[in-house]
């Protein structure tokens, strides 16, 4: 499904969707399963999501530049 989506949308749009999916899954597990979040866990989760977002955006931008060139 990810490959099919990537063929239909821009790489940056796919990267944003991927990050939002991760945020949704984490939020869903907190609400539905009642997972407790400590301050340290929250900070770690935020750093991990920010890292994935930065990596995805940079990679998408590089691939977009390759297509333009």
PDB file of N, CA and C in Angstrom:
ATOM      1  N   UNK A   1       0.817  -1.185   0.000  1.00  0.00           N
ATOM      2  CA  UNK A   1       0.000   0.000   0.000  1.00  0.00           C
ATOM      3  C   UNK A   1       0.868   1.260   0.000  1.00  0.00           C
ATOM      4  N   UNK A   2       1.984   1.240   0.732  1.00  0.00           N
ATOM      5  CA  UNK A   2       2.862   2.406   0.781  1.00  0.00           C
ATOM      6  C   UNK A   2       3.456   2.699  -0.596  1.00  0.00           C
ATOM      7  N   UNK A   3       3.848   1.668  -1.319  1.00  0.00           N
ATOM      8  CA  UNK A   3       4.415   1.860  -2.649  1.00  0.00           C
ATOM      9  C   UNK A   3       3.379   2.442  -3.595  1.00  0.00           C
ATOM     10  N   UNK A   4       2.169   1.928  -3.534  1.00  0.00           N
ATOM     11  CA  UNK A   4       1.089   2.433  -4.382  1.00  0.00           C
ATOM     12  C   UNK A   4       0.799   3.891  -4.057  1.00  0.00           C
ATOM     13  N   UNK A   5       0.780   4.231  -2.791  1.00  0.00           N
ATOM     14  CA  UNK A   5       0.545   5.616  -2.384  1.00  0.00           C
ATOM     15  C   UNK A   5       1.667   6.523  -2.868  1.00  0.00           C
ATOM     16  N   UNK A   6       2.911   6.066  -2.738  1.00  0.00           N
ATOM     17  CA  UNK A   6       4.060   6.866  -3.148  1.00  0.00           C
ATOM     18  C   UNK A   6       4.037   7.151  -4.640  1.00  0.00           C
ATOM     19  N   UNK A   7       3.503   6.219  -5.426  1.00  0.00           N
ATOM     20  CA  UNK A   7       3.396   6.443  -6.870  1.00  0.00           C
ATOM     21  C   UNK A   7       2.358   7.518  -7.197  1.00  0.00           C
ATOM     22  N   UNK A   8       1.397   7.718  -6.319  1.00  0.00           N
ATOM     23  CA  UNK A   8       0.295   8.631  -6.608  1.00  0.00           C
ATOM     24  C   UNK A   8       0.464  10.025  -6.005  1.00  0.00           C
ATOM     25  N   UNK A   9       1.302  10.163  -4.984  1.00  0.00           N
ATOM     26  CA  UNK A   9       1.484  11.466  -4.339  1.00  0.00           C
ATOM     27  C   UNK A   9       2.962  11.840  -4.352  1.00  0.00           C
ATOM     28  N   UNK A  10       3.229  13.093  -4.040  1.00  0.00           N
ATOM     29  CA  UNK A  10       4.617  13.565  -3.969  1.00  0.00           C
ATOM     30  C   UNK A  10       5.312  12.923  -2.763  1.00  0.00           C
ATOM     31  N   UNK A  11       6.627  12.744  -2.856  1.00  0.00           N
ATOM     32  CA  UNK A  11       7.361  12.131  -1.739  1.00  0.00           C
ATOM     33  C   UNK A  11       7.181  12.888  -0.416  1.00  0.00           C
ATOM     34  N   UNK A  12       7.115  14.199  -0.478  1.00  0.00           N
ATOM     35  CA  UNK A  12       6.952  14.972   0.751  1.00  0.00           C
ATOM     36  C   UNK A  12       5.578  14.730   1.377  1.00  0.00           C
ATOM     37  N   UNK A  13       4.557  14.630   0.562  1.00  0.00           N
ATOM     38  CA  UNK A  13       3.218  14.327   1.057  1.00  0.00           C
ATOM     39  C   UNK A  13       3.201  12.957   1.720  1.00  0.00           C
ATOM     40  N   UNK A  14       3.875  12.007   1.121  1.00  0.00           N
ATOM     41  CA  UNK A  14       3.965  10.657   1.688  1.00  0.00           C
ATOM     42  C   UNK A  14       4.700  10.688   3.025  1.00  0.00           C
ATOM     43  N   UNK A  15       5.753  11.480   3.116  1.00  0.00           N
ATOM     44  CA  UNK A  15       6.521  11.581   4.364  1.00  0.00           C
ATOM     45  C   UNK A  15       5.668  12.173   5.480  1.00  0.00           C
ATOM     46  N   UNK A  16       4.902  13.209   5.160  1.00  0.00           N
ATOM     47  CA  UNK A  16       4.026  13.822   6.163  1.00  0.00           C
ATOM     48  C   UNK A  16       2.973  12.819   6.625  1.00  0.00           C
ATOM     49  N   UNK A  17       2.392  12.098   5.687  1.00  0.00           N
ATOM     50  CA  UNK A  17       1.403  11.081   6.037  1.00  0.00           C
ATOM     51  C   UNK A  17       1.983   9.985   6.917  1.00  0.00           C
ATOM     52  N   UNK A  18       3.206   9.595   6.637  1.00  0.00           N
ATOM     53  CA  UNK A  18       3.865   8.560   7.428  1.00  0.00           C
ATOM     54  C   UNK A  18       4.088   9.022   8.863  1.00  0.00           C
ATOM     55  N   UNK A  19       4.514  10.245   9.033  1.00  0.00           N
ATOM     56  CA  UNK A  19       4.722  10.788  10.382  1.00  0.00           C
ATOM     57  C   UNK A  19       3.388  10.893  11.123  1.00  0.00           C
ATOM     58  N   UNK A  20       2.359  11.385  10.445  1.00  0.00           N
ATOM     59  CA  UNK A  20       1.046  11.489  11.079  1.00  0.00           C
ATOM     60  C   UNK A  20       0.503  10.121  11.464  1.00  0.00           C
ATOM     61  N   UNK A  21       0.781   9.113  10.649  1.00  0.00           N
ATOM     62  CA  UNK A  21       0.357   7.745  10.974  1.00  0.00           C
ATOM     63  C   UNK A  21       1.001   7.280  12.269  1.00  0.00           C
ATOM     64  N   UNK A  22       2.279   7.566  12.445  1.00  0.00           N
ATOM     65  CA  UNK A  22       2.977   7.166  13.668  1.00  0.00           C
ATOM     66  C   UNK A  22       2.399   7.866  14.889  1.00  0.00           C
ATOM     67  N   UNK A  23       2.108   9.158  14.748  1.00  0.00           N
ATOM     68  CA  UNK A  23       1.506   9.911  15.850  1.00  0.00           C
ATOM     69  C   UNK A  23       0.143   9.317  16.203  1.00  0.00           C
ATOM     70  N   UNK A  24      -0.645   8.990  15.196  1.00  0.00           N
ATOM     71  CA  UNK A  24      -1.965   8.396  15.423  1.00  0.00           C
ATOM     72  C   UNK A  24      -1.855   7.054  16.137  1.00  0.00           C
ATOM     73  N   UNK A  25      -0.952   6.205  15.711  1.00  0.00           N
ATOM     74  CA  UNK A  25      -0.799   4.884  16.329  1.00  0.00           C
ATOM     75  C   UNK A  25      -0.400   5.015  17.800  1.00  0.00           C
ATOM     76  N   UNK A  26       0.518   5.918  18.089  1.00  0.00           N
ATOM     77  CA  UNK A  26       0.941   6.123  19.478  1.00  0.00           C
ATOM     78  C   UNK A  26      -0.215   6.675  20.305  1.00  0.00           C
ATOM     79  N   UNK A  27      -0.900   7.687  19.789  1.00  0.00           N
ATOM     80  CA  UNK A  27      -2.047   8.256  20.500  1.00  0.00           C
ATOM     81  C   UNK A  27      -3.156   7.238  20.702  1.00  0.00           C
ATOM     82  N   UNK A  28      -3.407   6.422  19.697  1.00  0.00           N
ATOM     83  CA  UNK A  28      -4.429   5.377  19.776  1.00  0.00           C
ATOM     84  C   UNK A  28      -4.100   4.384  20.883  1.00  0.00           C
ATOM     85  N   UNK A  29      -2.838   3.973  20.966  1.00  0.00           N
ATOM     86  CA  UNK A  29      -2.454   3.007  22.002  1.00  0.00           C
ATOM     87  C   UNK A  29      -2.578   3.614  23.401  1.00  0.00           C
ATOM     88  N   UNK A  30      -2.303   4.895  23.522  1.00  0.00           N
ATOM     89  CA  UNK A  30      -2.433   5.560  24.820  1.00  0.00           C
ATOM     90  C   UNK A  30      -3.896   5.596  25.251  1.00  0.00           C
ATOM     91  N   UNK A  31      -4.772   5.965  24.331  1.00  0.00           N
ATOM     92  CA  UNK A  31      -6.191   6.111  24.664  1.00  0.00           C
ATOM     93  C   UNK A  31      -6.880   4.756  24.834  1.00  0.00           C
ATOM     94  N   UNK A  32      -6.724   3.869  23.847  1.00  0.00           N
ATOM     95  CA  UNK A  32      -7.468   2.610  23.850  1.00  0.00           C
ATOM     96  C   UNK A  32      -6.916   1.617  24.877  1.00  0.00           C
ATOM     97  N   UNK A  33      -5.599   1.473  24.936  1.00  0.00           N
ATOM     98  CA  UNK A  33      -5.013   0.473  25.815  1.00  0.00           C
ATOM     99  C   UNK A  33      -4.636   1.038  27.180  1.00  0.00           C
ATOM    100  N   UNK A  34      -4.807   2.328  27.359  1.00  0.00           N
ATOM    101  CA  UNK A  34      -4.527   2.943  28.648  1.00  0.00           C
ATOM    102  C   UNK A  34      -3.056   2.939  29.023  1.00  0.00           C
ATOM    103  N   UNK A  35      -2.194   2.971  28.025  1.00  0.00           N
ATOM    104  CA  UNK A  35      -0.755   3.021  28.316  1.00  0.00           C
ATOM    105  C   UNK A  35      -0.420   4.312  29.036  1.00  0.00           C
ATOM    106  N   UNK A  36       0.364   4.187  30.081  1.00  0.00           N
ATOM    107  CA  UNK A  36       0.775   5.356  30.857  1.00  0.00           C
ATOM    108  C   UNK A  36       2.006   5.975  30.202  1.00  0.00           C
ATOM    109  N   UNK A  37       2.044   7.297  30.189  1.00  0.00           N
ATOM    110  CA  UNK A  37       3.168   8.019  29.612  1.00  0.00           C
ATOM    111  C   UNK A  37       3.825   8.844  30.710  1.00  0.00           C
ATOM    112  N   UNK A  38       5.063   8.531  31.008  1.00  0.00           N
ATOM    113  CA  UNK A  38       5.817   9.348  31.958  1.00  0.00           C
ATOM    114  C   UNK A  38       6.438  10.515  31.193  1.00  0.00           C
ATOM    115  N   UNK A  39       7.005  11.448  31.902  1.00  0.00           N
ATOM    116  CA  UNK A  39       7.669  12.584  31.261  1.00  0.00           C
ATOM    117  C   UNK A  39       8.803  12.095  30.374  1.00  0.00           C
ATOM    118  N   UNK A  40       9.574  11.150  30.875  1.00  0.00           N
ATOM    119  CA  UNK A  40      10.703  10.626  30.109  1.00  0.00           C
ATOM    120  C   UNK A  40      10.224   9.905  28.847  1.00  0.00           C
ATOM    121  N   UNK A  41       9.158   9.132  28.955  1.00  0.00           N
ATOM    122  CA  UNK A  41       8.608   8.437  27.792  1.00  0.00           C
ATOM    123  C   UNK A  41       8.063   9.435  26.775  1.00  0.00           C
ATOM    124  N   UNK A  42       7.389  10.466  27.259  1.00  0.00           N
ATOM    125  CA  UNK A  42       6.853  11.493  26.367  1.00  0.00           C
ATOM    126  C   UNK A  42       7.945  12.219  25.615  1.00  0.00           C
ATOM    127  N   UNK A  43       9.012  12.561  26.315  1.00  0.00           N
ATOM    128  CA  UNK A  43      10.141  13.236  25.665  1.00  0.00           C
ATOM    129  C   UNK A  43      10.798  12.308  24.651  1.00  0.00           C
ATOM    130  N   UNK A  44      10.986  11.065  25.022  1.00  0.00           N
ATOM    131  CA  UNK A  44      11.586  10.092  24.098  1.00  0.00           C
ATOM    132  C   UNK A  44      10.741   9.883  22.856  1.00  0.00           C
ATOM    133  N   UNK A  45       9.433   9.808  23.045  1.00  0.00           N
ATOM    134  CA  UNK A  45       8.522   9.648  21.913  1.00  0.00           C
ATOM    135  C   UNK A  45       8.573  10.873  21.007  1.00  0.00           C
ATOM    136  N   UNK A  46       8.590  12.046  21.593  1.00  0.00           N
ATOM    137  CA  UNK A  46       8.655  13.286  20.800  1.00  0.00           C
ATOM    138  C   UNK A  46       9.961  13.367  20.012  1.00  0.00           C
ATOM    139  N   UNK A  47      11.074  12.989  20.649  1.00  0.00           N
ATOM    140  CA  UNK A  47      12.368  13.012  19.958  1.00  0.00           C
ATOM    141  C   UNK A  47      12.370  11.995  18.814  1.00  0.00           C
ATOM    142  N   UNK A  48      11.813  10.812  19.059  1.00  0.00           N
ATOM    143  CA  UNK A  48      11.766   9.790  18.009  1.00  0.00           C
ATOM    144  C   UNK A  48      10.907  10.236  16.830  1.00  0.00           C
ATOM    145  N   UNK A  49       9.751  10.808  17.111  1.00  0.00           N
ATOM    146  CA  UNK A  49       8.877  11.281  16.032  1.00  0.00           C
ATOM    147  C   UNK A  49       9.533  12.428  15.278  1.00  0.00           C
ATOM    148  N   UNK A  50      10.181  13.331  15.990  1.00  0.00           N
ATOM    149  CA  UNK A  50      10.877  14.442  15.329  1.00  0.00           C
ATOM    150  C   UNK A  50      12.014  13.921  14.448  1.00  0.00           C
ATOM    151  N   UNK A  51      12.720  12.920  14.922  1.00  0.00           N
ATOM    152  CA  UNK A  51      13.798  12.333  14.123  1.00  0.00           C
ATOM    153  C   UNK A  51      13.283  11.674  12.865  1.00  0.00           C
ATOM    154  N   UNK A  52      12.202  10.913  12.993  1.00  0.00           N
ATOM    155  CA  UNK A  52      11.595  10.274  11.818  1.00  0.00           C
ATOM    156  C   UNK A  52      11.094  11.330  10.853  1.00  0.00           C
ATOM    157  N   UNK A  53      10.484  12.388  11.385  1.00  0.00           N
ATOM    158  CA  UNK A  53       9.975  13.465  10.524  1.00  0.00           C
ATOM    159  C   UNK A  53      11.113  14.148   9.776  1.00  0.00           C
ATOM    160  N   UNK A  54      12.173  14.492  10.486  1.00  0.00           N
ATOM    161  CA  UNK A  54      13.310  15.162   9.843  1.00  0.00           C
ATOM    162  C   UNK A  54      13.926  14.279   8.767  1.00  0.00           C
ATOM    163  N   UNK A  55      14.132  13.007   9.086  1.00  0.00           N
ATOM    164  CA  UNK A  55      14.706  12.076   8.112  1.00  0.00           C
ATOM    165  C   UNK A  55      13.800  11.952   6.884  1.00  0.00           C
ATOM    166  N   UNK A  56      12.497  11.791   7.119  1.00  0.00           N
ATOM    167  CA  UNK A  56      11.559  11.626   6.006  1.00  0.00           C
ATOM    168  C   UNK A  56      11.506  12.868   5.133  1.00  0.00           C
ATOM    169  N   UNK A  57      11.471  14.047   5.753  1.00  0.00           N
ATOM    170  CA  UNK A  57      11.408  15.280   4.973  1.00  0.00           C
ATOM    171  C   UNK A  57      12.671  15.489   4.148  1.00  0.00           C
ATOM    172  N   UNK A  58      13.824  15.243   4.742  1.00  0.00           N
ATOM    173  CA  UNK A  58      15.088  15.415   4.022  1.00  0.00           C
ATOM    174  C   UNK A  58      15.189  14.423   2.882  1.00  0.00           C
ATOM    175  N   UNK A  59      14.843  13.171   3.146  1.00  0.00           N
ATOM    176  CA  UNK A  59      14.902  12.140   2.101  1.00  0.00           C
ATOM    177  C   UNK A  59      13.927  12.465   0.974  1.00  0.00           C
ATOM    178  N   UNK A  60      12.710  12.897   1.317  1.00  0.00           N
ATOM    179  CA  UNK A  60      11.719  13.242   0.292  1.00  0.00           C
ATOM    180  C   UNK A  60      12.188  14.425  -0.539  1.00  0.00           C
ATOM    181  N   UNK A  61      12.781  15.410   0.110  1.00  0.00           N
ATOM    182  CA  UNK A  61      13.269  16.585  -0.618  1.00  0.00           C
ATOM    183  C   UNK A  61      14.397  16.199  -1.571  1.00  0.00           C
ATOM    184  N   UNK A  62      15.285  15.320  -1.132  1.00  0.00           N
ATOM    185  CA  UNK A  62      16.381  14.874  -1.986  1.00  0.00           C
ATOM    186  C   UNK A  62      15.857  14.102  -3.192  1.00  0.00           C
ATOM    187  N   UNK A  63      14.857  13.244  -2.972  1.00  0.00           N
ATOM    188  CA  UNK A  63      14.280  12.492  -4.088  1.00  0.00           C
ATOM    189  C   UNK A  63      13.546  13.403  -5.050  1.00  0.00           C
ATOM    190  N   UNK A  64      12.890  14.431  -4.514  1.00  0.00           N
ATOM    191  CA  UNK A  64      12.193  15.392  -5.357  1.00  0.00           C
ATOM    192  C   UNK A  64      13.177  16.171  -6.219  1.00  0.00           C
ATOM    193  N   UNK A  65      14.329  16.541  -5.626  1.00  0.00           N
ATOM    194  CA  UNK A  65      15.354  17.259  -6.384  1.00  0.00           C
ATOM    195  C   UNK A  65      15.937  16.375  -7.479  1.00  0.00           C
ATOM    196  N   UNK A  66      16.071  15.070  -7.232  1.00  0.00           N
ATOM    197  CA  UNK A  66      16.556  14.145  -8.254  1.00  0.00           C
ATOM    198  C   UNK A  66      15.601  14.086  -9.438  1.00  0.00           C
ATOM    199  N   UNK A  67      14.288  14.096  -9.139  1.00  0.00           N
ATOM    200  CA  UNK A  67      13.297  14.040 -10.206  1.00  0.00           C
ATOM    201  C   UNK A  67      13.321  15.289 -11.063  1.00  0.00           C
ATOM    202  N   UNK A  68      13.545  16.445 -10.438  1.00  0.00           N
ATOM    203  CA  UNK A  68      13.554  17.720 -11.152  1.00  0.00           C
ATOM    204  C   UNK A  68      14.804  17.827 -12.030  1.00  0.00           C
ATOM    205  N   UNK A  69      15.923  17.335 -11.536  1.00  0.00           N
ATOM    206  CA  UNK A  69      17.197  17.466 -12.260  1.00  0.00           C
ATOM    207  C   UNK A  69      17.249  16.627 -13.500  1.00  0.00           C
TER     208      UNK A  69
END
